[in-house]
Each structure stands twice: as C-alpha cells, then as structure tokens.
PDB file of N, CA and C in Angstrom:
ATOM      1  N   UNK A   1      17.669 132.910  49.386  1.00  0.00           N
ATOM      2  CA  UNK A   1      19.156 134.174  49.387  1.00  0.00           C
ATOM      3  C   UNK A   1      19.781 134.327  50.448  1.00  0.00           C
ATOM      4  N   UNK A   2      20.563 134.596  50.229  1.00  0.00           N
ATOM      5  CA  UNK A   2      21.881 134.237  51.388  1.00  0.00           C
ATOM      6  C   UNK A   2      21.923 135.416  52.737  1.00  0.00           C
ATOM      7  N   UNK A   3      22.659 135.277  53.613  1.00  0.00           N
ATOM      8  CA  UNK A   3      22.481 135.969  54.466  1.00  0.00           C
ATOM      9  C   UNK A   3      23.475 136.648  54.635  1.00  0.00           C
ATOM     10  N   UNK A   4      24.926 136.885  53.711  1.00  0.00           N
ATOM     11  CA  UNK A   4      26.067 137.704  54.033  1.00  0.00           C
ATOM     12  C   UNK A   4      25.638 138.515  52.451  1.00  0.00           C
ATOM     13  N   UNK A   5      24.920 138.381  51.878  1.00  0.00           N
ATOM     14  CA  UNK A   5      24.417 139.825  51.385  1.00  0.00           C
ATOM     15  C   UNK A   5      23.202 140.063  51.120  1.00  0.00           C
ATOM     16  N   UNK A   6      22.921 140.840  50.567  1.00  0.00           N
ATOM     17  CA  UNK A   6      21.293 141.439  50.765  1.00  0.00           C
ATOM     18  C   UNK A   6      20.825 141.910  49.240  1.00  0.00           C
ATOM     19  N   UNK A   7      19.727 141.647  48.557  1.00  0.00           N
ATOM     20  CA  UNK A   7      19.434 142.102  47.202  1.00  0.00           C
ATOM     21  C   UNK A   7      18.477 143.239  47.243  1.00  0.00           C
ATOM     22  N   UNK A   8      17.825 143.788  48.346  1.00  0.00           N
ATOM     23  CA  UNK A   8      16.933 144.793  48.866  1.00  0.00           C
ATOM     24  C   UNK A   8      17.784 145.889  48.184  1.00  0.00           C
ATOM     25  N   UNK A   9      18.503 146.748  48.020  1.00  0.00           N
ATOM     26  CA  UNK A   9      18.798 147.601  47.257  1.00  0.00           C
ATOM     27  C   UNK A   9      18.848 147.651  45.937  1.00  0.00           C
ATOM     28  N   UNK A  10      19.151 146.402  45.433  1.00  0.00           N
ATOM     29  CA  UNK A  10      19.612 145.908  44.106  1.00  0.00           C
ATOM     30  C   UNK A  10      17.782 146.264  43.169  1.00  0.00           C
ATOM     31  N   UNK A  11      17.041 145.596  44.251  1.00  0.00           N
ATOM     32  CA  UNK A  11      15.878 144.888  43.825  1.00  0.00           C
ATOM     33  C   UNK A  11      14.922 146.579  43.421  1.00  0.00           C
ATOM     34  N   UNK A  12      15.109 146.993  44.618  1.00  0.00           N
ATOM     35  CA  UNK A  12      14.965 148.404  44.241  1.00  0.00           C
ATOM     36  C   UNK A  12      15.078 149.548  43.003  1.00  0.00           C
ATOM     37  N   UNK A  13      16.565 149.501  42.968  1.00  0.00           N
ATOM     38  CA  UNK A  13      17.272 149.853  41.705  1.00  0.00           C
ATOM     39  C   UNK A  13      16.723 149.337  40.725  1.00  0.00           C
ATOM     40  N   UNK A  14      16.357 147.606  40.232  1.00  0.00           N
ATOM     41  CA  UNK A  14      16.098 146.608  39.331  1.00  0.00           C
ATOM     42  C   UNK A  14      14.546 146.965  39.369  1.00  0.00           C
ATOM     43  N   UNK A  15      13.386 147.637  40.024  1.00  0.00           N
ATOM     44  CA  UNK A  15      12.342 147.121  39.679  1.00  0.00           C
ATOM     45  C   UNK A  15      12.139 145.845  39.712  1.00  0.00           C
ATOM     46  N   UNK A  16      12.615 145.062  40.498  1.00  0.00           N
ATOM     47  CA  UNK A  16      12.838 143.588  41.182  1.00  0.00           C
ATOM     48  C   UNK A  16      12.877 142.958  39.678  1.00  0.00           C
ATOM     49  N   UNK A  17      13.188 143.201  38.481  1.00  0.00           N
ATOM     50  CA  UNK A  17      13.526 143.133  37.313  1.00  0.00           C
ATOM     51  C   UNK A  17      14.499 141.805  37.805  1.00  0.00           C
ATOM     52  N   UNK A  18      14.543 140.167  37.530  1.00  0.00           N
ATOM     53  CA  UNK A  18      14.840 139.343  37.718  1.00  0.00           C
ATOM     54  C   UNK A  18      16.636 139.083  37.146  1.00  0.00           C
ATOM     55  N   UNK A  19      16.144 139.606  35.397  1.00  0.00           N
ATOM     56  CA  UNK A  19      17.149 139.511  34.621  1.00  0.00           C
ATOM     57  C   UNK A  19      18.167 140.551  34.769  1.00  0.00           C
ATOM     58  N   UNK A  20      17.541 141.358  35.075  1.00  0.00           N
ATOM     59  CA  UNK A  20      18.558 142.601  35.211  1.00  0.00           C
ATOM     60  C   UNK A  20      19.361 142.120  36.331  1.00  0.00           C
ATOM     61  N   UNK A  21      18.862 141.907  37.384  1.00  0.00           N
ATOM     62  CA  UNK A  21      19.575 141.295  38.728  1.00  0.00           C
ATOM     63  C   UNK A  21      20.817 140.689  38.525  1.00  0.00           C
ATOM     64  N   UNK A  22      20.398 139.756  37.754  1.00  0.00           N
ATOM     65  CA  UNK A  22      21.687 138.779  37.450  1.00  0.00           C
ATOM     66  C   UNK A  22      22.368 138.891  36.271  1.00  0.00           C
ATOM     67  N   UNK A  23      22.250 140.162  35.448  1.00  0.00           N
ATOM     68  CA  UNK A  23      23.102 140.864  34.879  1.00  0.00           C
ATOM     69  C   UNK A  23      24.185 141.760  35.567  1.00  0.00           C
ATOM     70  N   UNK A  24      23.630 142.581  37.361  1.00  0.00           N
ATOM     71  CA  UNK A  24      24.326 142.890  37.762  1.00  0.00           C
ATOM     72  C   UNK A  24      25.019 142.076  38.630  1.00  0.00           C
ATOM     73  N   UNK A  25      24.231 140.753  39.108  1.00  0.00           N
ATOM     74  CA  UNK A  25      25.418 139.742  39.684  1.00  0.00           C
ATOM     75  C   UNK A  25      26.513 139.128  39.056  1.00  0.00           C
ATOM     76  N   UNK A  26      26.054 139.582  37.924  1.00  0.00           N
ATOM     77  CA  UNK A  26      27.280 138.936  36.827  1.00  0.00           C
ATOM     78  C   UNK A  26      28.544 139.738  36.599  1.00  0.00           C
ATOM     79  N   UNK A  27      27.860 141.288  36.918  1.00  0.00           N
ATOM     80  CA  UNK A  27      28.980 142.051  36.329  1.00  0.00           C
ATOM     81  C   UNK A  27      29.840 142.294  37.997  1.00  0.00           C
ATOM     82  N   UNK A  28      29.306 142.051  38.743  1.00  0.00           N
ATOM     83  CA  UNK A  28      29.832 141.991  40.088  1.00  0.00           C
ATOM     84  C   UNK A  28      30.928 140.996  40.271  1.00  0.00           C
ATOM     85  N   UNK A  29      30.364 139.720  39.659  1.00  0.00           N
ATOM     86  CA  UNK A  29      31.064 138.610  39.746  1.00  0.00           C
ATOM     87  C   UNK A  29      32.262 138.887  38.828  1.00  0.00           C
ATOM     88  N   UNK A  30      32.153 139.571  37.919  1.00  0.00           N
ATOM     89  CA  UNK A  30      33.117 139.742  36.660  1.00  0.00           C
ATOM     90  C   UNK A  30      34.378 140.923  36.954  1.00  0.00           C
ATOM     91  N   UNK A  31      33.957 141.867  37.826  1.00  0.00           N
ATOM     92  CA  UNK A  31      34.854 143.120  38.173  1.00  0.00           C
ATOM     93  C   UNK A  31      34.886 142.947  39.564  1.00  0.00           C
ATOM     94  N   UNK A  32      34.484 142.769  40.407  1.00  0.00           N
ATOM     95  CA  UNK A  32      35.138 142.425  42.043  1.00  0.00           C
ATOM     96  C   UNK A  32      36.161 141.606  42.145  1.00  0.00           C
ATOM     97  N   UNK A  33      36.198 140.298  41.531  1.00  0.00           N
ATOM     98  CA  UNK A  33      37.062 139.729  42.441  1.00  0.00           C
ATOM     99  C   UNK A  33      38.423 140.003  41.803  1.00  0.00           C
ATOM    100  N   UNK A  34      38.659 140.652  40.404  1.00  0.00           N
ATOM    101  CA  UNK A  34      40.366 141.382  40.289  1.00  0.00           C
ATOM    102  C   UNK A  34      40.617 142.165  41.062  1.00  0.00           C
ATOM    103  N   UNK A  35      39.237 142.897  41.506  1.00  0.00           N
ATOM    104  CA  UNK A  35      39.898 144.331  42.009  1.00  0.00           C
ATOM    105  C   UNK A  35      40.296 144.095  43.629  1.00  0.00           C
ATOM    106  N   UNK A  36      39.741 142.924  44.509  1.00  0.00           N
ATOM    107  CA  UNK A  36      39.964 142.285  45.102  1.00  0.00           C
ATOM    108  C   UNK A  36      41.350 142.127  45.667  1.00  0.00           C
ATOM    109  N   UNK A  37      41.493 141.288  44.187  1.00  0.00           N
ATOM    110  CA  UNK A  37      43.029 140.727  44.220  1.00  0.00           C
ATOM    111  C   UNK A  37      43.774 141.743  44.385  1.00  0.00           C
ATOM    112  N   UNK A  38      43.774 143.119  43.755  1.00  0.00           N
ATOM    113  CA  UNK A  38      44.446 143.618  43.518  1.00  0.00           C
ATOM    114  C   UNK A  38      44.906 144.738  45.033  1.00  0.00           C
ATOM    115  N   UNK A  39      43.418 145.063  45.465  1.00  0.00           N
ATOM    116  CA  UNK A  39      43.475 145.485  46.968  1.00  0.00           C
ATOM    117  C   UNK A  39      44.602 144.291  47.790  1.00  0.00           C
ATOM    118  N   UNK A  40      44.478 143.507  47.615  1.00  0.00           N
ATOM    119  CA  UNK A  40      44.703 142.447  48.643  1.00  0.00           C
ATOM    120  C   UNK A  40      46.774 142.429  48.480  1.00  0.00           C
ATOM    121  N   UNK A  41      46.804 142.656  47.026  1.00  0.00           N
ATOM    122  CA  UNK A  41      48.352 142.319  46.705  1.00  0.00           C
ATOM    123  C   UNK A  41      48.626 144.256  46.707  1.00  0.00           C
ATOM    124  N   UNK A  42      48.046 144.863  47.176  1.00  0.00           N
ATOM    125  CA  UNK A  42      48.307 146.147  46.829  1.00  0.00           C
ATOM    126  C   UNK A  42      48.624 146.471  48.403  1.00  0.00           C
ATOM    127  N   UNK A  43      47.983 146.303  49.637  1.00  0.00           N
ATOM    128  CA  UNK A  43      48.737 145.934  50.632  1.00  0.00           C
ATOM    129  C   UNK A  43      49.244 145.703  51.182  1.00  0.00           C
ATOM    130  N   UNK A  44      49.362 144.155  50.733  1.00  0.00           N
ATOM    131  CA  UNK A  44      50.608 143.472  50.335  1.00  0.00           C
ATOM    132  C   UNK A  44      51.977 144.357  50.248  1.00  0.00           C
ATOM    133  N   UNK A  45      52.156 144.546  49.167  1.00  0.00           N
ATOM    134  CA  UNK A  45      53.493 145.444  48.529  1.00  0.00           C
ATOM    135  C   UNK A  45      53.187 146.683  49.469  1.00  0.00           C
ATOM    136  N   UNK A  46      52.701 147.136  50.482  1.00  0.00           N
ATOM    137  CA  UNK A  46      52.529 148.247  51.240  1.00  0.00           C
ATOM    138  C   UNK A  46      52.285 149.527  50.018  1.00  0.00           C
ATOM    139  N   UNK A  47      51.660 149.674  48.817  1.00  0.00           N
ATOM    140  CA  UNK A  47      51.186 150.147  47.761  1.00  0.00           C
ATOM    141  C   UNK A  47      49.754 150.871  48.440  1.00  0.00           C
ATOM    142  N   UNK A  48      50.218 151.891  49.146  1.00  0.00           N
ATOM    143  CA  UNK A  48      48.617 152.332  50.023  1.00  0.00           C
ATOM    144  C   UNK A  48      47.890 153.311  48.965  1.00  0.00           C
ATOM    145  N   UNK A  49      48.229 153.965  47.780  1.00  0.00           N
ATOM    146  CA  UNK A  49      47.395 154.672  47.154  1.00  0.00           C
ATOM    147  C   UNK A  49      47.004 153.726  45.735  1.00  0.00           C
ATOM    148  N   UNK A  50      47.332 152.710  45.811  1.00  0.00           N
ATOM    149  CA  UNK A  50      46.694 151.568  44.925  1.00  0.00           C
ATOM    150  C   UNK A  50      45.620 151.418  45.671  1.00  0.00           C
ATOM    151  N   UNK A  51      46.071 150.792  47.007  1.00  0.00           N
ATOM    152  CA  UNK A  51      45.147 150.102  47.851  1.00  0.00           C
ATOM    153  C   UNK A  51      43.979 150.781  47.988  1.00  0.00           C
ATOM    154  N   UNK A  52      44.017 152.115  48.251  1.00  0.00           N
ATOM    155  CA  UNK A  52      42.625 152.839  48.549  1.00  0.00           C
ATOM    156  C   UNK A  52      42.036 152.972  47.102  1.00  0.00           C
ATOM    157  N   UNK A  53      42.539 153.090  46.069  1.00  0.00           N
ATOM    158  CA  UNK A  53      41.682 153.267  45.026  1.00  0.00           C
ATOM    159  C   UNK A  53      40.855 152.274  44.585  1.00  0.00           C
ATOM    160  N   UNK A  54      41.467 151.044  44.834  1.00  0.00           N
ATOM    161  CA  UNK A  54      40.692 149.444  44.729  1.00  0.00           C
ATOM    162  C   UNK A  54      39.712 149.494  46.120  1.00  0.00           C
ATOM    163  N   UNK A  55      39.658 150.003  47.300  1.00  0.00           N
ATOM    164  CA  UNK A  55      38.957 149.878  47.912  1.00  0.00           C
ATOM    165  C   UNK A  55      38.023 150.998  47.777  1.00  0.00           C
ATOM    166  N   UNK A  56      38.142 151.926  47.409  1.00  0.00           N
ATOM    167  CA  UNK A  56      37.176 153.025  47.208  1.00  0.00           C
ATOM    168  C   UNK A  56      36.229 152.969  46.066  1.00  0.00           C
ATOM    169  N   UNK A  57      37.072 151.918  44.858  1.00  0.00           N
ATOM    170  CA  UNK A  57      35.911 151.326  43.718  1.00  0.00           C
ATOM    171  C   UNK A  57      35.170 150.283  44.342  1.00  0.00           C
ATOM    172  N   UNK A  58      35.590 149.775  45.272  1.00  0.00           N
ATOM    173  CA  UNK A  58      34.667 148.384  45.555  1.00  0.00           C
ATOM    174  C   UNK A  58      33.853 148.972  46.387  1.00  0.00           C
ATOM    175  N   UNK A  59      33.073 149.848  47.211  1.00  0.00           N
ATOM    176  CA  UNK A  59      32.380 150.434  47.908  1.00  0.00           C
ATOM    177  C   UNK A  59      30.951 150.535  47.711  1.00  0.00           C
ATOM    178  N   UNK A  60      30.853 151.013  46.333  1.00  0.00           N
ATOM    179  CA  UNK A  60      29.363 150.914  45.878  1.00  0.00           C
ATOM    180  C   UNK A  60      28.679 149.725  45.664  1.00  0.00           C
ATOM    181  N   UNK A  61      29.742 148.908  45.065  1.00  0.00           N
ATOM    182  CA  UNK A  61      28.884 147.628  44.683  1.00  0.00           C
ATOM    183  C   UNK A  61      28.737 146.703  45.639  1.00  0.00           C
ATOM    184  N   UNK A  62      29.886 147.327  46.877  1.00  0.00           N
ATOM    185  CA  UNK A  62      29.430 146.320  48.037  1.00  0.00           C
ATOM    186  C   UNK A  62      28.119 146.702  48.882  1.00  0.00           C
ATOM    187  N   UNK A  63      28.150 148.257  48.948  1.00  0.00           N
ATOM    188  CA  UNK A  63      26.926 148.715  49.234  1.00  0.00           C
ATOM    189  C   UNK A  63      25.748 148.356  48.943  1.00  0.00           C
ATOM    190  N   UNK A  64      25.957 148.108  47.495  1.00  0.00           N
ATOM    191  CA  UNK A  64      24.663 147.953  46.462  1.00  0.00           C
ATOM    192  C   UNK A  64      24.010 146.537  46.752  1.00  0.00           C
ATOM    193  N   UNK A  65      25.114 145.331  47.162  1.00  0.00           N
ATOM    194  CA  UNK A  65      24.936 143.969  47.426  1.00  0.00           C
ATOM    195  C   UNK A  65      24.685 143.972  48.980  1.00  0.00           C
ATOM    196  N   UNK A  66      24.642 144.720  49.634  1.00  0.00           N
ATOM    197  CA  UNK A  66      24.203 145.193  51.185  1.00  0.00           C
ATOM    198  C   UNK A  66      24.898 143.964  52.236  1.00  0.00           C
ATOM    199  N   UNK A  67      26.465 144.251  51.650  1.00  0.00           N
ATOM    200  CA  UNK A  67      27.639 143.004  52.215  1.00  0.00           C
ATOM    201  C   UNK A  67      28.340 143.982  53.719  1.00  0.00           C
ATOM    202  N   UNK A  68      27.923 143.487  54.606  1.00  0.00           N
ATOM    203  CA  UNK A  68      28.682 144.340  55.973  1.00  0.00           C
ATOM    204  C   UNK A  68      29.791 144.605  55.918  1.00  0.00           C
ATOM    205  N   UNK A  69      30.430 145.111  55.119  1.00  0.00           N
ATOM    206  CA  UNK A  69      31.782 145.536  54.735  1.00  0.00           C
ATOM    207  C   UNK A  69      32.274 146.991  55.013  1.00  0.00           C
ATOM    208  N   UNK A  70      30.960 147.854  54.905  1.00  0.00           N
ATOM    209  CA  UNK A  70      31.396 149.407  54.653  1.00  0.00           C
ATOM    210  C   UNK A  70      32.829 149.979  55.799  1.00  0.00           C
ATOM    211  N   UNK A  71      32.513 149.104  56.884  1.00  0.00           N
ATOM    212  CA  UNK A  71      33.093 149.614  58.074  1.00  0.00           C
ATOM    213  C   UNK A  71      34.462 149.571  57.731  1.00  0.00           C
ATOM    214  N   UNK A  72      35.075 148.016  56.931  1.00  0.00           N
ATOM    215  CA  UNK A  72      36.347 147.354  56.899  1.00  0.00           C
ATOM    216  C   UNK A  72      37.018 148.197  55.657  1.00  0.00           C
ATOM    217  N   UNK A  73      35.980 148.289  54.764  1.00  0.00           N
ATOM    218  CA  UNK A  73      36.491 149.280  53.603  1.00  0.00           C
ATOM    219  C   UNK A  73      37.147 150.542  53.559  1.00  0.00           C
ATOM    220  N   UNK A  74      36.028 151.021  54.644  1.00  0.00           N
ATOM    221  CA  UNK A  74      36.567 152.372  55.329  1.00  0.00           C
ATOM    222  C   UNK A  74      37.733 152.391  55.762  1.00  0.00           C
ATOM    223  N   UNK A  75      37.695 151.409  56.816  1.00  0.00           N
ATOM    224  CA  UNK A  75      39.423 151.327  57.391  1.00  0.00           C
ATOM    225  C   UNK A  75      40.552 151.037  56.774  1.00  0.00           C
ATOM    226  N   UNK A  76      39.997 150.256  55.624  1.00  0.00           N
ATOM    227  CA  UNK A  76      41.168 150.059  54.681  1.00  0.00           C
ATOM    228  C   UNK A  76      41.331 151.757  53.794  1.00  0.00           C
ATOM    229  N   UNK A  77      40.607 152.132  53.725  1.00  0.00           N
ATOM    230  CA  UNK A  77      40.793 153.464  53.088  1.00  0.00           C
ATOM    231  C   UNK A  77      41.816 154.639  54.426  1.00  0.00           C
ATOM    232  N   UNK A  78      40.895 154.368  55.624  1.00  0.00           N
ATOM    233  CA  UNK A  78      41.868 155.434  56.398  1.00  0.00           C
ATOM    234  C   UNK A  78      43.295 154.713  56.389  1.00  0.00           C
ATOM    235  N   UNK A  79      43.678 153.873  56.420  1.00  0.00           N
ATOM    236  CA  UNK A  79      44.638 153.163  56.960  1.00  0.00           C
ATOM    237  C   UNK A  79      45.778 153.810  55.607  1.00  0.00           C
ATOM    238  N   UNK A  80      45.600 153.837  54.434  1.00  0.00           N
ATOM    239  CA  UNK A  80      45.656 154.392  52.999  1.00  0.00           C
ATOM    240  C   UNK A  80      46.672 155.527  53.417  1.00  0.00           C
ATOM    241  N   UNK A  81      45.656 156.173  54.406  1.00  0.00           N
ATOM    242  CA  UNK A  81      45.878 157.742  55.187  1.00  0.00           C
ATOM    243  C   UNK A  81      47.086 158.045  55.806  1.00  0.00           C
ATOM    244  N   UNK A  82      47.413 157.012  56.633  1.00  0.00           N
ATOM    245  CA  UNK A  82      47.975 156.802  58.100  1.00  0.00           C
ATOM    246  C   UNK A  82      49.738 156.607  57.714  1.00  0.00           C
ATOM    247  N   UNK A  83      50.081 156.428  58.688  1.00  0.00           N
ATOM    248  CA  UNK A  83      51.546 155.850  58.829  1.00  0.00           C
ATOM    249  C   UNK A  83      51.968 154.683  59.893  1.00  0.00           C
ATOM    250  N   UNK A  84      50.536 154.098  59.757  1.00  0.00           N
ATOM    251  CA  UNK A  84      50.952 152.269  60.628  1.00  0.00           C
ATOM    252  C   UNK A  84      50.918 151.388  59.610  1.00  0.00           C
ATOM    253  N   UNK A  85      51.791 150.569  59.822  1.00  0.00           N
ATOM    254  CA  UNK A  85      52.256 149.836  59.438  1.00  0.00           C
ATOM    255  C   UNK A  85      51.400 148.935  59.044  1.00  0.00           C
ATOM    256  N   UNK A  86      51.636 147.710  57.641  1.00  0.00           N
ATOM    257  CA  UNK A  86      50.361 147.099  57.074  1.00  0.00           C
ATOM    258  C   UNK A  86      50.110 145.652  57.634  1.00  0.00           C
ATOM    259  N   UNK A  87      50.922 145.303  58.790  1.00  0.00           N
ATOM    260  CA  UNK A  87      50.190 144.891  59.628  1.00  0.00           C
ATOM    261  C   UNK A  87      48.984 144.950  60.668  1.00  0.00           C
ATOM    262  N   UNK A  88      48.890 146.527  60.758  1.00  0.00           N
ATOM    263  CA  UNK A  88      47.793 147.103  61.505  1.00  0.00           C
ATOM    264  C   UNK A  88      46.618 146.608  60.453  1.00  0.00           C
ATOM    265  N   UNK A  89      46.236 146.616  59.402  1.00  0.00           N
ATOM    266  CA  UNK A  89      45.400 146.367  58.654  1.00  0.00           C
ATOM    267  C   UNK A  89      44.959 145.156  58.013  1.00  0.00           C
ATOM    268  N   UNK A  90      45.267 144.037  58.567  1.00  0.00           N
ATOM    269  CA  UNK A  90      46.003 142.907  57.305  1.00  0.00           C
ATOM    270  C   UNK A  90      44.680 141.312  57.740  1.00  0.00           C
ATOM    271  N   UNK A  91      44.070 141.933  59.502  1.00  0.00           N
ATOM    272  CA  UNK A  91      43.206 141.660  59.789  1.00  0.00           C
ATOM    273  C   UNK A  91      42.115 141.399  59.011  1.00  0.00           C
ATOM    274  N   UNK A  92      41.820 142.863  58.858  1.00  0.00           N
ATOM    275  CA  UNK A  92      40.664 143.936  58.502  1.00  0.00           C
ATOM    276  C   UNK A  92      41.060 143.527  57.020  1.00  0.00           C
ATOM    277  N   UNK A  93      41.792 143.237  55.981  1.00  0.00           N
ATOM    278  CA  UNK A  93      42.052 142.891  54.635  1.00  0.00           C
ATOM    279  C   UNK A  93      41.213 141.016  54.297  1.00  0.00           C
ATOM    280  N   UNK A  94      41.930 140.662  55.474  1.00  0.00           N
ATOM    281  CA  UNK A  94      41.465 139.220  55.562  1.00  0.00           C
ATOM    282  C   UNK A  94      40.009 139.175  55.328  1.00  0.00           C
ATOM    283  N   UNK A  95      39.230 139.540  56.364  1.00  0.00           N
ATOM    284  CA  UNK A  95      38.054 139.507  56.861  1.00  0.00           C
ATOM    285  C   UNK A  95      37.332 139.876  55.562  1.00  0.00           C
ATOM    286  N   UNK A  96      37.210 140.965  54.167  1.00  0.00           N
ATOM    287  CA  UNK A  96      37.140 141.216  53.303  1.00  0.00           C
ATOM    288  C   UNK A  96      37.408 140.145  52.664  1.00  0.00           C
ATOM    289  N   UNK A  97      38.566 139.812  52.330  1.00  0.00           N
ATOM    290  CA  UNK A  97      39.036 138.943  51.238  1.00  0.00           C
ATOM    291  C   UNK A  97      37.527 137.310  51.580  1.00  0.00           C
ATOM    292  N   UNK A  98      37.885 136.833  52.959  1.00  0.00           N
ATOM    293  CA  UNK A  98      36.920 135.915  52.807  1.00  0.00           C
ATOM    294  C   UNK A  98      35.572 136.172  52.465  1.00  0.00           C
ATOM    295  N   UNK A  99      34.864 137.186  53.283  1.00  0.00           N
ATOM    296  CA  UNK A  99      33.589 137.382  53.692  1.00  0.00           C
ATOM    297  C   UNK A  99      33.099 137.696  51.648  1.00  0.00           C
ATOM    298  N   UNK A 100      34.110 138.390  50.891  1.00  0.00           N
ATOM    299  CA  UNK A 100      33.300 138.629  49.410  1.00  0.00           C
ATOM    300  C   UNK A 100      33.759 137.217  48.881  1.00  0.00           C
ATOM    301  N   UNK A 101      34.353 136.680  48.994  1.00  0.00           N
ATOM    302  CA  UNK A 101      34.672 134.963  48.467  1.00  0.00           C
ATOM    303  C   UNK A 101      33.550 134.624  48.721  1.00  0.00           C
ATOM    304  N   UNK A 102      33.035 134.285  49.852  1.00  0.00           N
ATOM    305  CA  UNK A 102      32.149 133.777  50.397  1.00  0.00           C
ATOM    306  C   UNK A 102      30.598 134.392  49.473  1.00  0.00           C
ATOM    307  N   UNK A 103      30.573 135.477  49.493  1.00  0.00           N
ATOM    308  CA  UNK A 103      29.501 136.401  48.199  1.00  0.00           C
ATOM    309  C   UNK A 103      29.821 135.757  46.960  1.00  0.00           C
ATOM    310  N   UNK A 104      31.290 135.733  46.396  1.00  0.00           N
ATOM    311  CA  UNK A 104      30.835 134.969  45.279  1.00  0.00           C
ATOM    312  C   UNK A 104      30.175 133.904  44.600  1.00  0.00           C
ATOM    313  N   UNK A 105      30.718 133.068  45.863  1.00  0.00           N
ATOM    314  CA  UNK A 105      30.391 131.907  45.768  1.00  0.00           C
ATOM    315  C   UNK A 105      28.574 131.472  45.767  1.00  0.00           C
ATOM    316  N   UNK A 106      28.301 132.225  46.812  1.00  0.00           N
ATOM    317  CA  UNK A 106      26.767 132.212  47.048  1.00  0.00           C
ATOM    318  C   UNK A 106      25.838 133.133  45.847  1.00  0.00           C
ATOM    319  N   UNK A 107      26.646 133.803  45.252  1.00  0.00           N
ATOM    320  CA  UNK A 107      26.086 134.823  44.140  1.00  0.00           C
ATOM    321  C   UNK A 107      25.665 133.940  42.425  1.00  0.00           C
ATOM    322  N   UNK A 108      26.830 132.980  42.753  1.00  0.00           N
ATOM    323  CA  UNK A 108      26.851 131.920  41.701  1.00  0.00           C
ATOM    324  C   UNK A 108      25.982 131.106  41.828  1.00  0.00           C
ATOM    325  N   UNK A 109      25.599 130.452  43.267  1.00  0.00           N
ATOM    326  CA  UNK A 109      24.335 129.685  43.498  1.00  0.00           C
ATOM    327  C   UNK A 109      23.204 130.088  43.250  1.00  0.00           C
ATOM    328  N   UNK A 110      22.958 131.440  43.790  1.00  0.00           N
ATOM    329  CA  UNK A 110      21.723 132.372  43.607  1.00  0.00           C
ATOM    330  C   UNK A 110      21.173 132.902  42.149  1.00  0.00           C
ATOM    331  N   UNK A 111      21.836 132.764  41.530  1.00  0.00           N
ATOM    332  CA  UNK A 111      21.870 133.539  40.285  1.00  0.00           C
ATOM    333  C   UNK A 111      22.188 132.458  38.847  1.00  0.00           C
ATOM    334  N   UNK A 112      22.561 131.139  39.830  1.00  0.00           N
ATOM    335  CA  UNK A 112      23.078 130.287  38.712  1.00  0.00           C
ATOM    336  C   UNK A 112      23.901 130.812  37.481  1.00  0.00           C
ATOM    337  N   UNK A 113      25.194 131.841  38.246  1.00  0.00           N
ATOM    338  CA  UNK A 113      26.210 131.366  37.205  1.00  0.00           C
ATOM    339  C   UNK A 113      27.270 130.740  37.178  1.00  0.00           C
TER     340      UNK A 113
END
C-alpha cells in the first residue's frame, strides 16, 4: 500500500474485510474525481459557495483514507468565507488536485480497479 493514503481507519470501519474495502475504494474513485473537478472549477470561477460545498463534501472521504489534506481543505473552506482573491488559494487547490490524482492512481493499483 502507498504512503499517500492510509487504509487504517477504513480497515477499522470495515473490520479488515477486503471486499468491503474495495467497494469503498471504488466508491471513492466514482464520487471524488467529479467533486474535485467541480471544486477546482468553482474556485477558478470564484464561486465561493459552490467551492465550500464541494470542499466540505470531500472532507470525510479524505479523512477516511488518511490523506494528508485536511488542513488544505479547511484552508479552502476558510477562503470561501473571506474577501481574499482566488489567487490566495490557488496553490492550495493545486496541491489538493495533484495529491488526489496521485491517490486515484494508487487506489486503482492497490485495489485492482
């Protein structure tokens, strides 16, 4: 398994049931990529309400897979409630985007999806 995510909390929830873990990984790969794309687009279009909704929606999944992005997702949520220009959060969004794409690839390999 990879170091960019951790299945420890998932194992705890699943009781180490590999089939269930594969289903959860597959669900993650079905739901998170379009949410991530929507988040990136919302920030790009300065749609703060939509950016908040997608960042907030992704948080539990990011936490469940132990992906070290909670601080970044929280920063995006905080930005949506600020008057700062979107350039202030662009690097954070790019980090989230890049990291999650690496997670997607690793999950596909690790769970043969």
